[in-house]
N, C-alpha and C. Protein backbone atom coordinates (compact mmCIF):
# COMPACT_ATOMS: atom_id res chain seq x y z
N THR A 1 1.40 -1.01 -0.11
CA THR A 1 -0.18 0.13 -0.54
C THR A 1 0.77 1.19 -0.19
N THR A 2 0.89 2.08 -0.97
CA THR A 2 1.56 3.47 -0.78
C THR A 2 0.45 4.50 -1.16
N GLY A 3 0.47 5.61 -0.89
CA GLY A 3 -0.21 6.91 -0.81
C GLY A 3 -1.74 6.31 -0.58
N GLY A 4 -2.55 5.84 -0.38
CA GLY A 4 -3.60 5.17 -0.75
C GLY A 4 -4.14 4.15 -1.48
N CYS A 5 -3.19 3.82 -2.30
CA CYS A 5 -3.44 2.45 -3.34
C CYS A 5 -3.22 1.59 -2.83
N ILE A 6 -3.67 0.24 -3.00
CA ILE A 6 -3.19 -0.71 -3.22
C ILE A 6 -2.52 -1.94 -4.19
N CYS A 7 -1.03 -1.93 -3.79
CA CYS A 7 -0.45 -1.86 -5.93
C CYS A 7 -0.26 -4.16 -5.57
N SER A 8 -0.52 -3.84 -6.82
CA SER A 8 0.18 -5.27 -7.13
C SER A 8 0.90 -5.75 -6.77
N GLU A 9 1.19 -7.03 -6.84
CA GLU A 9 2.58 -7.38 -6.30
C GLU A 9 3.62 -6.61 -7.38
N GLY A 10 4.70 -6.35 -6.62
CA GLY A 10 5.90 -6.11 -8.00
C GLY A 10 6.15 -4.66 -8.25
N TRP A 11 4.77 -3.68 -7.63
CA TRP A 11 4.93 -2.81 -8.34
C TRP A 11 4.71 -1.32 -6.69
N THR A 12 4.78 -0.20 -7.53
CA THR A 12 4.90 0.51 -5.80
C THR A 12 5.05 2.18 -6.48
N PHE A 13 4.78 3.33 -5.86
CA PHE A 13 4.44 4.49 -5.64
C PHE A 13 3.03 4.80 -5.86
N ALA A 14 3.06 6.04 -5.51
CA ALA A 14 1.21 6.54 -5.43
C ALA A 14 0.03 6.09 -6.28
N ASN A 15 0.99 5.83 -7.06
CA ASN A 15 -0.37 5.60 -8.20
C ASN A 15 0.18 4.19 -8.73
N CYS A 16 1.21 3.39 -8.08
CA CYS A 16 1.49 1.99 -8.33
C CYS A 16 1.92 1.95 -10.38
N SER A 17 2.87 3.22 -10.29
CA SER A 17 3.28 2.85 -11.69
C SER A 17 4.59 2.90 -11.56
N ILE A 18 5.43 1.99 -10.56
CA ILE A 18 6.62 2.10 -10.89
C ILE A 18 7.25 0.76 -10.41
N ASP A 19 8.24 -0.07 -10.83
CA ASP A 19 8.33 -1.66 -10.79
C ASP A 19 9.35 -1.82 -10.00
N ILE A 20 9.04 -2.40 -8.94
CA ILE A 20 9.96 -2.65 -8.37
C ILE A 20 11.15 -3.85 -8.89
N ASP A 21 12.06 -3.42 -8.51
CA ASP A 21 13.32 -4.30 -9.61
C ASP A 21 13.65 -5.08 -8.15
N GLU A 22 13.13 -6.73 -8.39
CA GLU A 22 13.33 -7.74 -7.33
C GLU A 22 15.06 -7.81 -7.32
N CYS A 23 15.58 -7.48 -7.95
CA CYS A 23 16.67 -8.27 -8.74
C CYS A 23 18.04 -7.38 -8.41
N ARG A 24 17.18 -6.28 -7.58
CA ARG A 24 18.41 -5.43 -6.71
C ARG A 24 18.21 -5.08 -5.29
N ILE A 25 17.00 -5.92 -4.42
CA ILE A 25 16.95 -6.43 -3.11
C ILE A 25 17.73 -7.52 -2.82
N PRO A 26 18.25 -7.02 -1.60
CA PRO A 26 19.33 -7.25 -0.88
C PRO A 26 19.16 -8.48 -0.85
N GLY A 27 19.82 -10.13 -0.72
CA GLY A 27 19.95 -11.36 -0.88
C GLY A 27 19.10 -11.69 -2.17
N SER A 28 19.73 -12.48 -2.78
CA SER A 28 19.12 -13.32 -3.80
C SER A 28 17.72 -13.91 -4.10
N VAL A 29 17.10 -13.31 -5.01
CA VAL A 29 15.72 -13.81 -4.97
C VAL A 29 15.78 -14.76 -6.12
N CYS A 30 16.76 -15.58 -6.33
CA CYS A 30 17.29 -16.52 -7.35
C CYS A 30 18.52 -17.60 -6.30
N PRO A 31 17.24 -18.86 -6.58
CA PRO A 31 17.86 -19.93 -5.13
C PRO A 31 19.21 -20.49 -5.56
N ASN A 32 19.83 -20.41 -6.52
CA ASN A 32 20.52 -21.69 -7.71
C ASN A 32 21.93 -20.61 -7.75
N ALA A 33 23.03 -21.02 -7.35
CA ALA A 33 24.05 -19.80 -7.25
C ALA A 33 24.20 -20.08 -8.92
N ASN A 34 24.01 -20.36 -9.46
CA ASN A 34 24.13 -20.52 -10.81
C ASN A 34 22.97 -19.93 -11.76
N GLU A 35 22.01 -19.48 -11.25
CA GLU A 35 21.60 -18.62 -11.92
C GLU A 35 21.52 -17.05 -11.89
N VAL A 36 21.24 -16.26 -12.60
CA VAL A 36 21.16 -14.25 -12.71
C VAL A 36 19.58 -14.13 -12.94
N CYS A 37 19.12 -13.16 -12.18
CA CYS A 37 18.02 -12.63 -12.00
C CYS A 37 17.49 -11.34 -12.95
N ARG A 38 16.74 -11.85 -13.50
CA ARG A 38 16.54 -10.47 -14.94
C ARG A 38 14.88 -10.45 -14.18
N ASN A 39 15.02 -8.28 -14.33
CA ASN A 39 13.75 -8.21 -13.80
C ASN A 39 12.69 -7.64 -15.04
N THR A 40 11.63 -8.30 -14.75
CA THR A 40 10.53 -7.94 -16.10
C THR A 40 9.50 -6.94 -15.10
N ASN A 41 8.22 -6.68 -16.04
CA ASN A 41 7.69 -5.06 -15.16
C ASN A 41 6.66 -6.56 -14.16
N GLY A 42 6.57 -6.34 -13.09
CA GLY A 42 5.88 -6.38 -11.98
C GLY A 42 6.47 -7.75 -10.98
N GLY A 43 7.50 -8.20 -11.69
CA GLY A 43 8.45 -9.16 -11.49
C GLY A 43 9.78 -9.59 -11.74
N TYR A 44 10.13 -11.09 -11.73
CA TYR A 44 11.55 -11.56 -12.18
C TYR A 44 11.34 -12.65 -12.29
N GLN A 45 12.66 -12.62 -13.30
CA GLN A 45 12.72 -14.49 -13.75
C GLN A 45 13.99 -14.65 -12.86
N CYS A 46 14.63 -15.80 -13.16
CA CYS A 46 15.76 -16.40 -12.84
C CYS A 46 16.14 -17.01 -13.39
N ASN A 47 17.02 -17.19 -14.33
CA ASN A 47 17.76 -17.94 -15.57
C ASN A 47 19.06 -18.49 -14.82
N CYS A 48 19.02 -19.72 -15.91
CA CYS A 48 20.83 -20.09 -15.78
C CYS A 48 21.67 -19.51 -16.66
N LYS A 49 22.76 -19.31 -15.81
CA LYS A 49 23.60 -18.63 -16.16
C LYS A 49 24.58 -19.27 -17.68
N THR A 50 25.04 -18.36 -18.69
CA THR A 50 25.30 -18.94 -19.48
C THR A 50 26.35 -20.70 -19.59
N GLY A 51 26.02 -21.10 -20.37
CA GLY A 51 26.73 -22.39 -20.35
C GLY A 51 25.94 -23.20 -19.36
N TYR A 52 24.71 -22.95 -18.35
CA TYR A 52 24.31 -23.92 -17.70
C TYR A 52 22.80 -23.69 -18.33
N VAL A 53 22.07 -25.26 -18.12
CA VAL A 53 21.20 -25.53 -18.40
C VAL A 53 19.94 -25.95 -17.19
N ARG A 54 18.57 -25.69 -17.11
CA ARG A 54 17.64 -26.21 -16.03
C ARG A 54 17.77 -27.40 -15.98
N SER A 55 17.77 -28.03 -15.09
CA SER A 55 17.47 -29.38 -14.91
C SER A 55 16.01 -30.14 -14.36
N SER A 56 15.40 -30.96 -14.84
CA SER A 56 14.42 -31.66 -14.43
C SER A 56 14.34 -31.47 -12.85
N ASN A 57 15.00 -31.22 -11.73
CA ASN A 57 14.43 -31.05 -10.57
C ASN A 57 14.84 -29.52 -9.89
N GLY A 58 14.84 -28.84 -11.42
CA GLY A 58 14.79 -26.94 -11.42
C GLY A 58 16.12 -26.29 -10.82
N THR A 59 16.86 -26.80 -11.17
CA THR A 59 18.57 -26.33 -10.52
C THR A 59 19.31 -26.08 -12.22
N CYS A 60 20.38 -25.59 -12.50
CA CYS A 60 20.69 -25.08 -13.50
C CYS A 60 21.90 -26.03 -13.15
N THR A 61 22.48 -27.00 -14.11
CA THR A 61 23.76 -27.29 -13.76
C THR A 61 24.41 -27.32 -15.56
N LEU A 62 25.93 -27.36 -15.34
CA LEU A 62 26.36 -27.26 -16.71
C LEU A 62 25.77 -27.75 -17.49
N SER A 63 26.42 -27.51 -19.06
CA SER A 63 25.31 -27.65 -19.85
C SER A 63 26.05 -29.50 -20.33
N ASP A 64 25.69 -30.06 -21.15
CA ASP A 64 27.01 -31.47 -21.28
C ASP A 64 27.08 -31.24 -22.56
N CYS A 65 26.95 -29.74 -23.66
CA CYS A 65 27.41 -29.88 -24.90
C CYS A 65 29.39 -29.68 -24.40
N ASN A 66 30.20 -30.30 -24.94
CA ASN A 66 31.49 -30.30 -25.00
C ASN A 66 32.17 -30.19 -25.86
N HIS A 67 31.46 -28.71 -26.51
CA HIS A 67 32.23 -27.85 -28.17
C HIS A 67 32.53 -27.07 -27.37
N ILE A 68 34.16 -26.42 -28.26
CA ILE A 68 34.60 -25.90 -27.72
C ILE A 68 34.72 -24.84 -29.18
N LEU A 69 34.67 -23.57 -29.13
CA LEU A 69 34.61 -22.61 -30.10
C LEU A 69 35.72 -22.35 -29.98
N THR A 70 36.76 -22.80 -31.34
CA THR A 70 38.49 -22.11 -31.08
C THR A 70 38.36 -20.87 -32.32
N ASP A 71 37.33 -20.76 -33.32
CA ASP A 71 37.47 -19.66 -34.80
C ASP A 71 37.28 -18.26 -33.66
N SER A 72 37.87 -17.43 -34.88
CA SER A 72 36.92 -15.81 -33.92
C SER A 72 36.06 -15.35 -35.09
N SER A 73 35.78 -16.31 -36.20
CA SER A 73 34.63 -15.81 -36.71
C SER A 73 33.97 -16.73 -37.48
N GLY A 74 32.61 -16.82 -37.78
CA GLY A 74 32.25 -17.56 -38.94
C GLY A 74 30.63 -17.37 -37.91
N ILE A 75 29.58 -18.73 -38.52
CA ILE A 75 28.39 -18.72 -38.08
C ILE A 75 27.85 -19.88 -37.20
N ILE A 76 27.35 -19.83 -36.37
CA ILE A 76 26.53 -20.89 -35.04
C ILE A 76 25.04 -20.66 -35.55
N GLN A 77 24.69 -21.82 -35.70
CA GLN A 77 23.25 -22.31 -36.11
C GLN A 77 22.92 -23.04 -34.91
N THR A 78 21.58 -22.96 -35.10
CA THR A 78 21.03 -23.95 -34.07
C THR A 78 19.88 -24.43 -34.27
N PRO A 79 19.06 -25.24 -34.79
CA PRO A 79 17.19 -25.79 -35.23
C PRO A 79 16.42 -24.55 -34.21
N ILE A 80 17.00 -24.96 -33.40
CA ILE A 80 15.75 -23.54 -32.14
C ILE A 80 15.77 -22.35 -31.81
N TYR A 81 16.94 -22.05 -32.49
CA TYR A 81 17.23 -20.45 -32.52
C TYR A 81 15.66 -19.95 -33.47
N PRO A 82 14.69 -18.88 -32.40
CA PRO A 82 15.51 -17.78 -31.82
C PRO A 82 14.87 -18.19 -30.08
N SER A 83 14.31 -19.55 -29.87
CA SER A 83 13.88 -19.85 -28.36
C SER A 83 15.14 -19.82 -27.57
N ASP A 84 14.48 -19.88 -26.12
CA ASP A 84 15.34 -19.77 -25.21
C ASP A 84 16.14 -20.91 -24.85
N VAL A 85 17.33 -21.09 -25.15
CA VAL A 85 18.33 -22.51 -25.08
C VAL A 85 17.86 -23.02 -23.85
N ALA A 86 17.84 -22.44 -22.57
CA ALA A 86 18.16 -22.37 -21.22
C ALA A 86 16.60 -22.73 -20.85
N ASP A 87 15.57 -23.15 -21.21
CA ASP A 87 14.74 -23.83 -20.53
C ASP A 87 14.42 -25.24 -20.94
């Protein structure tokens, strides 16, 4: 409640027009050490860090991809682009 309004979760200010950046709140909102917080309008998402994938138990584990890229230029293609590969 701010200024007489009851804001929806994730919002604040007199007219509930300011998004709360949950990622900046002390103490991580993402419990897994291999996650990064991404603020969204009215909430947040916990995404796996680069090189990690979400496992069936919900944690982020190292990807089993054993490919090492050594060229300084080129094209990387994937059949699932542009979908989120961390899901």
